[in-house]
Amino acid sequence: MTYYQTQRDHDNAPSDFAGEDSHFFKNILKETLCDQKLMIPNTFVRKYGENLSSLTFLKLPNGAKWKVELAYHNSEVWLQKGWKEFAECCSLKQGRLLVFR
């Protein structure tokens, strides 16, 4: 998974996203920061869930990688262990828009 960060601005997303459906957007909410986890949208999980492992790497635009474990609760999949450290290192704030692909 690769992520890109913008401030509520889809125009900053890479142009190769056009026509590509293997990505998702997440707006960082206060709850996301307080709960220290981020839910992967169900539509993405339904389509690509068989290819998800319990461990993923978030790759920043500068090439740095962060190891984050996925947690499965009922039919939901969350970025959990490692997410807090990732969010802190990237100085994620409420209202940021992240793009995962």
PDB file of N, CA and C in Angstrom:
ATOM      1  N   MET A   1       0.832  -1.165   0.000  1.00  0.00           N
ATOM      2  CA  MET A   1       0.000   0.000   0.000  1.00  0.00           C
ATOM      3  C   MET A   1       0.882   1.235   0.000  1.00  0.00           C
ATOM      4  N   THR A   2       0.524   2.183  -0.798  1.00  0.00           N
ATOM      5  CA  THR A   2       1.212   3.462  -0.832  1.00  0.00           C
ATOM      6  C   THR A   2       0.209   4.519  -0.424  1.00  0.00           C
ATOM      7  N   TYR A   3       0.657   5.514   0.304  1.00  0.00           N
ATOM      8  CA  TYR A   3      -0.271   6.560   0.667  1.00  0.00           C
ATOM      9  C   TYR A   3       0.280   7.905   0.235  1.00  0.00           C
ATOM     10  N   TYR A   4      -0.619   8.819  -0.055  1.00  0.00           N
ATOM     11  CA  TYR A   4      -0.276  10.199  -0.357  1.00  0.00           C
ATOM     12  C   TYR A   4      -1.143  11.066   0.529  1.00  0.00           C
ATOM     13  N   GLN A   5      -0.595  12.169   0.970  1.00  0.00           N
ATOM     14  CA  GLN A   5      -1.288  13.027   1.921  1.00  0.00           C
ATOM     15  C   GLN A   5      -1.559  14.377   1.285  1.00  0.00           C
ATOM     16  N   THR A   6      -2.789  14.852   1.422  1.00  0.00           N
ATOM     17  CA  THR A   6      -3.126  16.194   0.965  1.00  0.00           C
ATOM     18  C   THR A   6      -3.975  16.859   2.035  1.00  0.00           C
ATOM     19  N   GLN A   7      -4.258  18.116   1.847  1.00  0.00           N
ATOM     20  CA  GLN A   7      -5.148  18.823   2.753  1.00  0.00           C
ATOM     21  C   GLN A   7      -6.458  19.056   2.014  1.00  0.00           C
ATOM     22  N   ARG A   8      -7.349  18.070   2.046  1.00  0.00           N
ATOM     23  CA  ARG A   8      -8.663  18.153   1.408  1.00  0.00           C
ATOM     24  C   ARG A   8      -8.561  18.614  -0.043  1.00  0.00           C
ATOM     25  N   ASP A   9      -7.624  18.051  -0.761  1.00  0.00           N
ATOM     26  CA  ASP A   9      -7.381  18.504  -2.121  1.00  0.00           C
ATOM     27  C   ASP A   9      -7.061  17.314  -3.008  1.00  0.00           C
ATOM     28  N   HIS A  10      -8.060  16.829  -3.718  1.00  0.00           N
ATOM     29  CA  HIS A  10      -7.858  15.679  -4.591  1.00  0.00           C
ATOM     30  C   HIS A  10      -6.913  15.994  -5.743  1.00  0.00           C
ATOM     31  N   ASP A  11      -6.717  17.273  -6.075  1.00  0.00           N
ATOM     32  CA  ASP A  11      -5.861  17.624  -7.199  1.00  0.00           C
ATOM     33  C   ASP A  11      -4.407  17.264  -6.951  1.00  0.00           C
ATOM     34  N   ASN A  12      -4.013  17.075  -5.707  1.00  0.00           N
ATOM     35  CA  ASN A  12      -2.634  16.722  -5.405  1.00  0.00           C
ATOM     36  C   ASN A  12      -2.370  15.233  -5.527  1.00  0.00           C
ATOM     37  N   ALA A  13      -3.400  14.440  -5.746  1.00  0.00           N
ATOM     38  CA  ALA A  13      -3.208  12.999  -5.894  1.00  0.00           C
ATOM     39  C   ALA A  13      -2.490  12.736  -7.210  1.00  0.00           C
ATOM     40  N   PRO A  14      -1.678  11.695  -7.267  1.00  0.00           N
ATOM     41  CA  PRO A  14      -0.952  11.387  -8.496  1.00  0.00           C
ATOM     42  C   PRO A  14      -1.897  11.172  -9.668  1.00  0.00           C
ATOM     43  N   SER A  15      -1.472  11.573 -10.847  1.00  0.00           N
ATOM     44  CA  SER A  15      -2.338  11.500 -12.017  1.00  0.00           C
ATOM     45  C   SER A  15      -2.596  10.075 -12.466  1.00  0.00           C
ATOM     46  N   ASP A  16      -1.771   9.107 -12.074  1.00  0.00           N
ATOM     47  CA  ASP A  16      -1.986   7.735 -12.517  1.00  0.00           C
ATOM     48  C   ASP A  16      -3.150   7.072 -11.792  1.00  0.00           C
ATOM     49  N   PHE A  17      -3.863   7.812 -10.950  1.00  0.00           N
ATOM     50  CA  PHE A  17      -5.037   7.260 -10.285  1.00  0.00           C
ATOM     51  C   PHE A  17      -6.237   7.241 -11.222  1.00  0.00           C
ATOM     52  N   ALA A  18      -6.216   8.005 -12.274  1.00  0.00           N
ATOM     53  CA  ALA A  18      -7.342   8.067 -13.190  1.00  0.00           C
ATOM     54  C   ALA A  18      -7.631   6.687 -13.756  1.00  0.00           C
ATOM     55  N   GLY A  19      -8.867   6.239 -13.577  1.00  0.00           N
ATOM     56  CA  GLY A  19      -9.276   4.950 -14.093  1.00  0.00           C
ATOM     57  C   GLY A  19      -8.835   3.770 -13.251  1.00  0.00           C
ATOM     58  N   GLU A  20      -8.058   4.001 -12.236  1.00  0.00           N
ATOM     59  CA  GLU A  20      -7.571   2.909 -11.393  1.00  0.00           C
ATOM     60  C   GLU A  20      -8.508   2.776 -10.197  1.00  0.00           C
ATOM     61  N   ASP A  21      -8.971   1.560  -9.916  1.00  0.00           N
ATOM     62  CA  ASP A  21      -9.911   1.393  -8.808  1.00  0.00           C
ATOM     63  C   ASP A  21      -9.302   0.661  -7.622  1.00  0.00           C
ATOM     64  N   SER A  22      -8.008   0.415  -7.643  1.00  0.00           N
ATOM     65  CA  SER A  22      -7.387  -0.297  -6.525  1.00  0.00           C
ATOM     66  C   SER A  22      -6.800   0.692  -5.521  1.00  0.00           C
ATOM     67  N   HIS A  23      -7.540   1.734  -5.240  1.00  0.00           N
ATOM     68  CA  HIS A  23      -7.113   2.719  -4.258  1.00  0.00           C
ATOM     69  C   HIS A  23      -8.325   3.162  -3.444  1.00  0.00           C
ATOM     70  N   PHE A  24      -8.047   3.850  -2.345  1.00  0.00           N
ATOM     71  CA  PHE A  24      -9.129   4.446  -1.573  1.00  0.00           C
ATOM     72  C   PHE A  24      -8.620   5.696  -0.881  1.00  0.00           C
ATOM     73  N   PHE A  25      -9.561   6.557  -0.545  1.00  0.00           N
ATOM     74  CA  PHE A  25      -9.274   7.802   0.146  1.00  0.00           C
ATOM     75  C   PHE A  25      -9.779   7.690   1.578  1.00  0.00           C
ATOM     76  N   LYS A  26      -9.066   8.279   2.512  1.00  0.00           N
ATOM     77  CA  LYS A  26      -9.536   8.339   3.901  1.00  0.00           C
ATOM     78  C   LYS A  26      -9.286   9.741   4.433  1.00  0.00           C
ATOM     79  N   ASN A  27     -10.343  10.340   4.949  1.00  0.00           N
ATOM     80  CA  ASN A  27     -10.238  11.623   5.620  1.00  0.00           C
ATOM     81  C   ASN A  27      -9.922  11.333   7.083  1.00  0.00           C
ATOM     82  N   ILE A  28      -8.890  11.943   7.616  1.00  0.00           N
ATOM     83  CA  ILE A  28      -8.514  11.692   9.002  1.00  0.00           C
ATOM     84  C   ILE A  28      -9.476  12.429   9.926  1.00  0.00           C
ATOM     85  N   LEU A  29     -10.160  11.653  10.742  1.00  0.00           N
ATOM     86  CA  LEU A  29     -11.105  12.189  11.713  1.00  0.00           C
ATOM     87  C   LEU A  29     -10.473  12.196  13.098  1.00  0.00           C
ATOM     88  N   LYS A  30     -11.074  12.935  13.993  1.00  0.00           N
ATOM     89  CA  LYS A  30     -10.598  12.969  15.381  1.00  0.00           C
ATOM     90  C   LYS A  30     -10.571  11.556  15.963  1.00  0.00           C
ATOM     91  N   GLU A  31     -11.609  10.766  15.652  1.00  0.00           N
ATOM     92  CA  GLU A  31     -11.703   9.396  16.165  1.00  0.00           C
ATOM     93  C   GLU A  31     -10.563   8.523  15.648  1.00  0.00           C
ATOM     94  N   THR A  32     -10.147   8.760  14.412  1.00  0.00           N
ATOM     95  CA  THR A  32      -9.044   7.989  13.832  1.00  0.00           C
ATOM     96  C   THR A  32      -7.777   8.183  14.649  1.00  0.00           C
ATOM     97  N   LEU A  33      -7.541   9.400  15.072  1.00  0.00           N
ATOM     98  CA  LEU A  33      -6.349   9.704  15.861  1.00  0.00           C
ATOM     99  C   LEU A  33      -6.493   9.202  17.292  1.00  0.00           C
ATOM    100  N   CYS A  34      -7.676   9.378  17.888  1.00  0.00           N
ATOM    101  CA  CYS A  34      -7.904   8.935  19.275  1.00  0.00           C
ATOM    102  C   CYS A  34      -7.891   7.414  19.392  1.00  0.00           C
ATOM    103  N   ASP A  35      -8.523   6.729  18.432  1.00  0.00           N
ATOM    104  CA  ASP A  35      -8.616   5.262  18.479  1.00  0.00           C
ATOM    105  C   ASP A  35      -7.324   4.587  18.038  1.00  0.00           C
ATOM    106  N   GLN A  36      -6.434   5.338  17.421  1.00  0.00           N
ATOM    107  CA  GLN A  36      -5.135   4.838  16.975  1.00  0.00           C
ATOM    108  C   GLN A  36      -5.255   3.680  15.989  1.00  0.00           C
ATOM    109  N   LYS A  37      -6.243   3.787  15.097  1.00  0.00           N
ATOM    110  CA  LYS A  37      -6.423   2.790  14.043  1.00  0.00           C
ATOM    111  C   LYS A  37      -7.216   3.427  12.914  1.00  0.00           C
ATOM    112  N   LEU A  38      -7.128   2.826  11.742  1.00  0.00           N
ATOM    113  CA  LEU A  38      -7.822   3.343  10.571  1.00  0.00           C
ATOM    114  C   LEU A  38      -8.508   2.185   9.865  1.00  0.00           C
ATOM    115  N   MET A  39      -9.804   2.329   9.621  1.00  0.00           N
ATOM    116  CA  MET A  39     -10.549   1.258   8.959  1.00  0.00           C
ATOM    117  C   MET A  39     -10.357   1.332   7.447  1.00  0.00           C
ATOM    118  N   ILE A  40     -10.075   0.182   6.864  1.00  0.00           N
ATOM    119  CA  ILE A  40     -10.005   0.068   5.408  1.00  0.00           C
ATOM    120  C   ILE A  40     -11.447  -0.069   4.920  1.00  0.00           C
ATOM    121  N   PRO A  41     -11.862   0.717   3.936  1.00  0.00           N
ATOM    122  CA  PRO A  41     -13.257   0.676   3.480  1.00  0.00           C
ATOM    123  C   PRO A  41     -13.699  -0.732   3.071  1.00  0.00           C
ATOM    124  N   ASN A  42     -14.934  -1.059   3.425  1.00  0.00           N
ATOM    125  CA  ASN A  42     -15.483  -2.385   3.121  1.00  0.00           C
ATOM    126  C   ASN A  42     -15.478  -2.686   1.629  1.00  0.00           C
ATOM    127  N   THR A  43     -15.714  -1.680   0.800  1.00  0.00           N
ATOM    128  CA  THR A  43     -15.718  -1.925  -0.646  1.00  0.00           C
ATOM    129  C   THR A  43     -14.341  -2.370  -1.127  1.00  0.00           C
ATOM    130  N   PHE A  44     -13.285  -1.801  -0.559  1.00  0.00           N
ATOM    131  CA  PHE A  44     -11.922  -2.200  -0.907  1.00  0.00           C
ATOM    132  C   PHE A  44     -11.644  -3.609  -0.395  1.00  0.00           C
ATOM    133  N   VAL A  45     -12.070  -3.892   0.826  1.00  0.00           N
ATOM    134  CA  VAL A  45     -11.845  -5.219   1.428  1.00  0.00           C
ATOM    135  C   VAL A  45     -12.584  -6.290   0.639  1.00  0.00           C
ATOM    136  N   ARG A  46     -13.830  -6.019   0.238  1.00  0.00           N
ATOM    137  CA  ARG A  46     -14.593  -7.006  -0.538  1.00  0.00           C
ATOM    138  C   ARG A  46     -13.898  -7.327  -1.859  1.00  0.00           C
ATOM    139  N   LYS A  47     -13.319  -6.314  -2.484  1.00  0.00           N
ATOM    140  CA  LYS A  47     -12.705  -6.518  -3.788  1.00  0.00           C
ATOM    141  C   LYS A  47     -11.295  -7.101  -3.699  1.00  0.00           C
ATOM    142  N   TYR A  48     -10.514  -6.678  -2.694  1.00  0.00           N
ATOM    143  CA  TYR A  48      -9.101  -7.062  -2.622  1.00  0.00           C
ATOM    144  C   TYR A  48      -8.737  -7.812  -1.348  1.00  0.00           C
ATOM    145  N   GLY A  49      -9.720  -8.120  -0.520  1.00  0.00           N
ATOM    146  CA  GLY A  49      -9.459  -8.738   0.778  1.00  0.00           C
ATOM    147  C   GLY A  49      -8.690 -10.038   0.720  1.00  0.00           C
ATOM    148  N   GLU A  50      -8.891 -10.826  -0.316  1.00  0.00           N
ATOM    149  CA  GLU A  50      -8.176 -12.100  -0.434  1.00  0.00           C
ATOM    150  C   GLU A  50      -6.680 -11.886  -0.615  1.00  0.00           C
ATOM    151  N   ASN A  51      -6.295 -10.717  -1.101  1.00  0.00           N
ATOM    152  CA  ASN A  51      -4.883 -10.414  -1.330  1.00  0.00           C
ATOM    153  C   ASN A  51      -4.226  -9.690  -0.160  1.00  0.00           C
ATOM    154  N   LEU A  52      -5.005  -9.380   0.869  1.00  0.00           N
ATOM    155  CA  LEU A  52      -4.449  -8.677   2.026  1.00  0.00           C
ATOM    156  C   LEU A  52      -3.851  -9.678   2.999  1.00  0.00           C
ATOM    157  N   SER A  53      -2.652  -9.393   3.461  1.00  0.00           N
ATOM    158  CA  SER A  53      -2.050 -10.233   4.496  1.00  0.00           C
ATOM    159  C   SER A  53      -2.239  -9.525   5.831  1.00  0.00           C
ATOM    160  N   SER A  54      -1.797 -10.151   6.899  1.00  0.00           N
ATOM    161  CA  SER A  54      -1.953  -9.531   8.212  1.00  0.00           C
ATOM    162  C   SER A  54      -0.906  -8.447   8.452  1.00  0.00           C
ATOM    163  N   LEU A  55       0.014  -8.302   7.534  1.00  0.00           N
ATOM    164  CA  LEU A  55       1.067  -7.301   7.644  1.00  0.00           C
ATOM    165  C   LEU A  55       1.160  -6.546   6.327  1.00  0.00           C
ATOM    166  N   THR A  56       1.238  -5.233   6.412  1.00  0.00           N
ATOM    167  CA  THR A  56       1.381  -4.426   5.204  1.00  0.00           C
ATOM    168  C   THR A  56       2.425  -3.350   5.455  1.00  0.00           C
ATOM    169  N   PHE A  57       2.884  -2.763   4.393  1.00  0.00           N
ATOM    170  CA  PHE A  57       3.838  -1.668   4.496  1.00  0.00           C
ATOM    171  C   PHE A  57       3.225  -0.444   3.843  1.00  0.00           C
ATOM    172  N   LEU A  58       3.247   0.662   4.555  1.00  0.00           N
ATOM    173  CA  LEU A  58       2.801   1.932   4.008  1.00  0.00           C
ATOM    174  C   LEU A  58       4.038   2.633   3.465  1.00  0.00           C
ATOM    175  N   LYS A  59       4.000   2.935   2.197  1.00  0.00           N
ATOM    176  CA  LYS A  59       5.152   3.564   1.542  1.00  0.00           C
ATOM    177  C   LYS A  59       4.855   5.043   1.328  1.00  0.00           C
ATOM    178  N   LEU A  60       5.704   5.877   1.861  1.00  0.00           N
ATOM    179  CA  LEU A  60       5.551   7.315   1.727  1.00  0.00           C
ATOM    180  C   LEU A  60       6.075   7.775   0.377  1.00  0.00           C
ATOM    181  N   PRO A  61       5.658   8.956  -0.078  1.00  0.00           N
ATOM    182  CA  PRO A  61       6.138   9.458  -1.368  1.00  0.00           C
ATOM    183  C   PRO A  61       7.664   9.545  -1.461  1.00  0.00           C
ATOM    184  N   ASN A  62       8.352   9.709  -0.323  1.00  0.00           N
ATOM    185  CA  ASN A  62       9.815   9.785  -0.350  1.00  0.00           C
ATOM    186  C   ASN A  62      10.479   8.413  -0.367  1.00  0.00           C
ATOM    187  N   GLY A  63       9.676   7.340  -0.388  1.00  0.00           N
ATOM    188  CA  GLY A  63      10.206   5.984  -0.457  1.00  0.00           C
ATOM    189  C   GLY A  63      10.328   5.271   0.875  1.00  0.00           C
ATOM    190  N   ALA A  64      10.218   6.011   1.983  1.00  0.00           N
ATOM    191  CA  ALA A  64      10.280   5.385   3.308  1.00  0.00           C
ATOM    192  C   ALA A  64       9.093   4.441   3.484  1.00  0.00           C
ATOM    193  N   LYS A  65       9.298   3.354   4.238  1.00  0.00           N
ATOM    194  CA  LYS A  65       8.243   2.361   4.457  1.00  0.00           C
ATOM    195  C   LYS A  65       7.973   2.200   5.947  1.00  0.00           C
ATOM    196  N   TRP A  66       6.691   1.979   6.271  1.00  0.00           N
ATOM    197  CA  TRP A  66       6.258   1.738   7.645  1.00  0.00           C
ATOM    198  C   TRP A  66       5.526   0.409   7.705  1.00  0.00           C
ATOM    199  N   LYS A  67       5.914  -0.418   8.652  1.00  0.00           N
ATOM    200  CA  LYS A  67       5.236  -1.700   8.846  1.00  0.00           C
ATOM    201  C   LYS A  67       4.006  -1.467   9.720  1.00  0.00           C
ATOM    202  N   VAL A  68       2.854  -1.915   9.233  1.00  0.00           N
ATOM    203  CA  VAL A  68       1.597  -1.788   9.964  1.00  0.00           C
ATOM    204  C   VAL A  68       0.864  -3.118   9.873  1.00  0.00           C
ATOM    205  N   GLU A  69       0.370  -3.584  11.006  1.00  0.00           N
ATOM    206  CA  GLU A  69      -0.383  -4.839  11.027  1.00  0.00           C
ATOM    207  C   GLU A  69      -1.864  -4.561  10.829  1.00  0.00           C
ATOM    208  N   LEU A  70      -2.508  -5.470  10.104  1.00  0.00           N
ATOM    209  CA  LEU A  70      -3.947  -5.387   9.910  1.00  0.00           C
ATOM    210  C   LEU A  70      -4.635  -6.157  11.022  1.00  0.00           C
ATOM    211  N   ALA A  71      -5.731  -5.612  11.503  1.00  0.00           N
ATOM    212  CA  ALA A  71      -6.544  -6.281  12.513  1.00  0.00           C
ATOM    213  C   ALA A  71      -7.907  -6.556  11.889  1.00  0.00           C
ATOM    214  N   TYR A  72      -8.404  -7.751  12.119  1.00  0.00           N
ATOM    215  CA  TYR A  72      -9.696  -8.169  11.577  1.00  0.00           C
ATOM    216  C   TYR A  72     -10.695  -8.260  12.720  1.00  0.00           C
ATOM    217  N   HIS A  73     -11.771  -7.471  12.646  1.00  0.00           N
ATOM    218  CA  HIS A  73     -12.831  -7.481  13.651  1.00  0.00           C
ATOM    219  C   HIS A  73     -14.157  -7.626  12.914  1.00  0.00           C
ATOM    220  N   ASN A  74     -14.827  -8.758  13.133  1.00  0.00           N
ATOM    221  CA  ASN A  74     -16.057  -9.071  12.401  1.00  0.00           C
ATOM    222  C   ASN A  74     -15.745  -9.002  10.911  1.00  0.00           C
ATOM    223  N   SER A  75     -16.440  -8.181  10.170  1.00  0.00           N
ATOM    224  CA  SER A  75     -16.172  -8.090   8.730  1.00  0.00           C
ATOM    225  C   SER A  75     -15.342  -6.850   8.389  1.00  0.00           C
ATOM    226  N   GLU A  76     -14.771  -6.210   9.402  1.00  0.00           N
ATOM    227  CA  GLU A  76     -13.984  -5.001   9.184  1.00  0.00           C
ATOM    228  C   GLU A  76     -12.487  -5.295   9.258  1.00  0.00           C
ATOM    229  N   VAL A  77     -11.729  -4.525   8.489  1.00  0.00           N
ATOM    230  CA  VAL A  77     -10.273  -4.643   8.501  1.00  0.00           C
ATOM    231  C   VAL A  77      -9.709  -3.264   8.849  1.00  0.00           C
ATOM    232  N   TRP A  78      -8.781  -3.262   9.799  1.00  0.00           N
ATOM    233  CA  TRP A  78      -8.219  -2.018  10.309  1.00  0.00           C
ATOM    234  C   TRP A  78      -6.702  -2.016  10.174  1.00  0.00           C
ATOM    235  N   LEU A  79      -6.122  -0.850   9.882  1.00  0.00           N
ATOM    236  CA  LEU A  79      -4.692  -0.635  10.057  1.00  0.00           C
ATOM    237  C   LEU A  79      -4.547  -0.330  11.537  1.00  0.00           C
ATOM    238  N   GLN A  80      -3.823  -1.171  12.258  1.00  0.00           N
ATOM    239  CA  GLN A  80      -3.816  -0.991  13.701  1.00  0.00           C
ATOM    240  C   GLN A  80      -2.403  -0.916  14.276  1.00  0.00           C
ATOM    241  N   LYS A  81      -1.782  -2.039  14.563  1.00  0.00           N
ATOM    242  CA  LYS A  81      -0.472  -2.008  15.209  1.00  0.00           C
ATOM    243  C   LYS A  81       0.545  -1.363  14.269  1.00  0.00           C
ATOM    244  N   GLY A  82       1.133  -0.272  14.710  1.00  0.00           N
ATOM    245  CA  GLY A  82       2.050   0.497  13.888  1.00  0.00           C
ATOM    246  C   GLY A  82       1.412   1.759  13.324  1.00  0.00           C
ATOM    247  N   TRP A  83       0.071   1.805  13.298  1.00  0.00           N
ATOM    248  CA  TRP A  83      -0.630   2.976  12.770  1.00  0.00           C
ATOM    249  C   TRP A  83      -0.350   4.219  13.611  1.00  0.00           C
ATOM    250  N   LYS A  84      -0.374   4.086  14.927  1.00  0.00           N
ATOM    251  CA  LYS A  84      -0.149   5.230  15.818  1.00  0.00           C
ATOM    252  C   LYS A  84       1.209   5.867  15.524  1.00  0.00           C
ATOM    253  N   GLU A  85       2.243   5.038  15.419  1.00  0.00           N
ATOM    254  CA  GLU A  85       3.586   5.544  15.160  1.00  0.00           C
ATOM    255  C   GLU A  85       3.675   6.208  13.779  1.00  0.00           C
ATOM    256  N   PHE A  86       3.014   5.587  12.812  1.00  0.00           N
ATOM    257  CA  PHE A  86       2.968   6.153  11.466  1.00  0.00           C
ATOM    258  C   PHE A  86       2.306   7.531  11.489  1.00  0.00           C
ATOM    259  N   ALA A  87       1.150   7.620  12.153  1.00  0.00           N
ATOM    260  CA  ALA A  87       0.409   8.878  12.221  1.00  0.00           C
ATOM    261  C   ALA A  87       1.223   9.961  12.924  1.00  0.00           C
ATOM    262  N   GLU A  88       1.915   9.579  13.990  1.00  0.00           N
ATOM    263  CA  GLU A  88       2.730  10.550  14.720  1.00  0.00           C
ATOM    264  C   GLU A  88       3.913  11.018  13.880  1.00  0.00           C
ATOM    265  N   CYS A  89       4.588  10.094  13.232  1.00  0.00           N
ATOM    266  CA  CYS A  89       5.762  10.441  12.425  1.00  0.00           C
ATOM    267  C   CYS A  89       5.383  11.348  11.252  1.00  0.00           C
ATOM    268  N   CYS A  90       4.227  11.097  10.666  1.00  0.00           N
ATOM    269  CA  CYS A  90       3.764  11.890   9.523  1.00  0.00           C
ATOM    270  C   CYS A  90       3.007  13.141   9.955  1.00  0.00           C
ATOM    271  N   SER A  91       2.913  13.348  11.272  1.00  0.00           N
ATOM    272  CA  SER A  91       2.201  14.510  11.831  1.00  0.00           C
ATOM    273  C   SER A  91       0.791  14.623  11.275  1.00  0.00           C
ATOM    274  N   LEU A  92       0.086  13.485  11.231  1.00  0.00           N
ATOM    275  CA  LEU A  92      -1.280  13.499  10.721  1.00  0.00           C
ATOM    276  C   LEU A  92      -2.170  14.301  11.657  1.00  0.00           C
ATOM    277  N   LYS A  93      -3.002  15.106  11.071  1.00  0.00           N
ATOM    278  CA  LYS A  93      -3.934  15.948  11.811  1.00  0.00           C
ATOM    279  C   LYS A  93      -5.338  15.706  11.282  1.00  0.00           C
ATOM    280  N   GLN A  94      -6.314  16.053  12.095  1.00  0.00           N
ATOM    281  CA  GLN A  94      -7.709  15.961  11.686  1.00  0.00           C
ATOM    282  C   GLN A  94      -7.907  16.788  10.414  1.00  0.00           C
ATOM    283  N   GLY A  95      -8.635  16.216   9.457  1.00  0.00           N
ATOM    284  CA  GLY A  95      -8.926  16.905   8.211  1.00  0.00           C
ATOM    285  C   GLY A  95      -7.986  16.572   7.069  1.00  0.00           C
ATOM    286  N   ARG A  96      -6.898  15.868   7.344  1.00  0.00           N
ATOM    287  CA  ARG A  96      -5.996  15.453   6.267  1.00  0.00           C
ATOM    288  C   ARG A  96      -6.679  14.397   5.419  1.00  0.00           C
ATOM    289  N   LEU A  97      -6.376  14.395   4.155  1.00  0.00           N
ATOM    290  CA  LEU A  97      -6.897  13.388   3.238  1.00  0.00           C
ATOM    291  C   LEU A  97      -5.738  12.500   2.826  1.00  0.00           C
ATOM    292  N   LEU A  98      -5.895  11.200   3.051  1.00  0.00           N
ATOM    293  CA  LEU A  98      -4.874  10.237   2.656  1.00  0.00           C
ATOM    294  C   LEU A  98      -5.385   9.430   1.475  1.00  0.00           C
ATOM    295  N   VAL A  99      -4.486   9.102   0.580  1.00  0.00           N
ATOM    296  CA  VAL A  99      -4.807   8.253  -0.559  1.00  0.00           C
ATOM    297  C   VAL A  99      -3.967   6.995  -0.429  1.00  0.00           C
ATOM    298  N   PHE A 100      -4.629   5.844  -0.425  1.00  0.00           N
ATOM    299  CA  PHE A 100      -3.952   4.553  -0.340  1.00  0.00           C
ATOM    300  C   PHE A 100      -4.143   3.837  -1.670  1.00  0.00           C
ATOM    301  N   ARG A 101      -3.071   3.232  -2.163  1.00  0.00           N
ATOM    302  CA  ARG A 101      -3.204   2.424  -3.379  1.00  0.00           C
ATOM    303  C   ARG A 101      -2.297   1.225  -3.297  1.00  0.00           C
TER     304      ARG A 101
END
